[in-house]
Amino acid sequence: MVEGPGQLTVCSSSRLKLLGPFFELARLLGEVLFEQSDLSLELVDVDWGSEP
């Protein structure tokens, strides 16, 4: 019965190690998307302000 949980923890740790880089990439992509969205909002505000 003790080997069961041990194997589960090993599997979970290996999965976390494999998914680690993916989560990091997701965070980087999220930050870039948020930055781009902020820039786009600023550009839209400027365009609306420049229009008569």
Protein backbone atom coordinates (compact mmCIF):
# COMPACT_ATOMS: atom_id res chain seq x y z
CA MET A 1 0.00 0.00 0.00
CA VAL A 2 2.95 2.32 0.68
CA GLU A 3 4.29 1.89 -2.87
CA GLY A 4 1.02 3.27 -4.32
CA PRO A 5 1.31 6.83 -2.94
CA GLY A 6 5.06 6.79 -3.59
CA GLN A 7 4.51 6.08 -7.29
CA LEU A 8 1.77 8.73 -7.46
CA THR A 9 4.09 11.37 -5.96
CA VAL A 10 6.83 10.42 -8.43
CA CYS A 11 4.38 10.65 -11.34
CA SER A 12 3.05 14.01 -10.15
CA SER A 13 6.58 15.38 -9.67
CA SER A 14 7.64 14.18 -13.13
CA ARG A 15 4.51 15.72 -14.65
CA LEU A 16 5.18 19.01 -12.87
CA LYS A 17 8.76 18.98 -14.18
CA LEU A 18 7.48 18.38 -17.72
CA LEU A 19 4.73 21.02 -17.41
CA GLY A 20 7.04 23.52 -15.66
CA PRO A 21 8.44 25.03 -18.91
CA PHE A 22 4.93 25.16 -20.40
CA PHE A 23 3.63 27.13 -17.42
CA GLU A 24 6.61 29.49 -17.69
CA LEU A 25 5.92 30.00 -21.40
CA ALA A 26 2.24 30.59 -20.63
CA ARG A 27 3.21 33.23 -18.06
CA LEU A 28 5.53 34.93 -20.55
CA LEU A 29 2.85 34.83 -23.26
CA GLY A 30 0.28 36.19 -20.80
CA GLU A 31 2.56 39.07 -19.84
CA VAL A 32 3.24 39.87 -23.51
CA LEU A 33 -0.47 39.71 -24.35
CA PHE A 34 -1.33 42.01 -21.44
CA GLU A 35 1.39 44.44 -22.51
CA GLN A 36 0.13 44.38 -26.11
CA SER A 37 -3.47 44.86 -24.95
CA ASP A 38 -2.42 47.87 -22.86
CA LEU A 39 -0.52 49.33 -25.82
CA SER A 40 -3.46 48.72 -28.16
CA LEU A 41 -5.82 50.42 -25.70
CA GLU A 42 -3.47 53.40 -25.48
CA LEU A 43 -3.22 53.59 -29.29
CA VAL A 44 -7.02 53.43 -29.60
CA ASP A 45 -7.39 56.24 -27.04
CA VAL A 46 -4.86 58.35 -28.96
CA ASP A 47 -6.64 57.68 -32.27
CA TRP A 48 -10.00 58.68 -30.82
CA GLY A 49 -8.45 61.81 -29.31
CA SER A 50 -6.77 62.80 -32.61
CA GLU A 51 -10.00 62.41 -34.57
CA PRO A 52 -12.19 65.57 -34.85
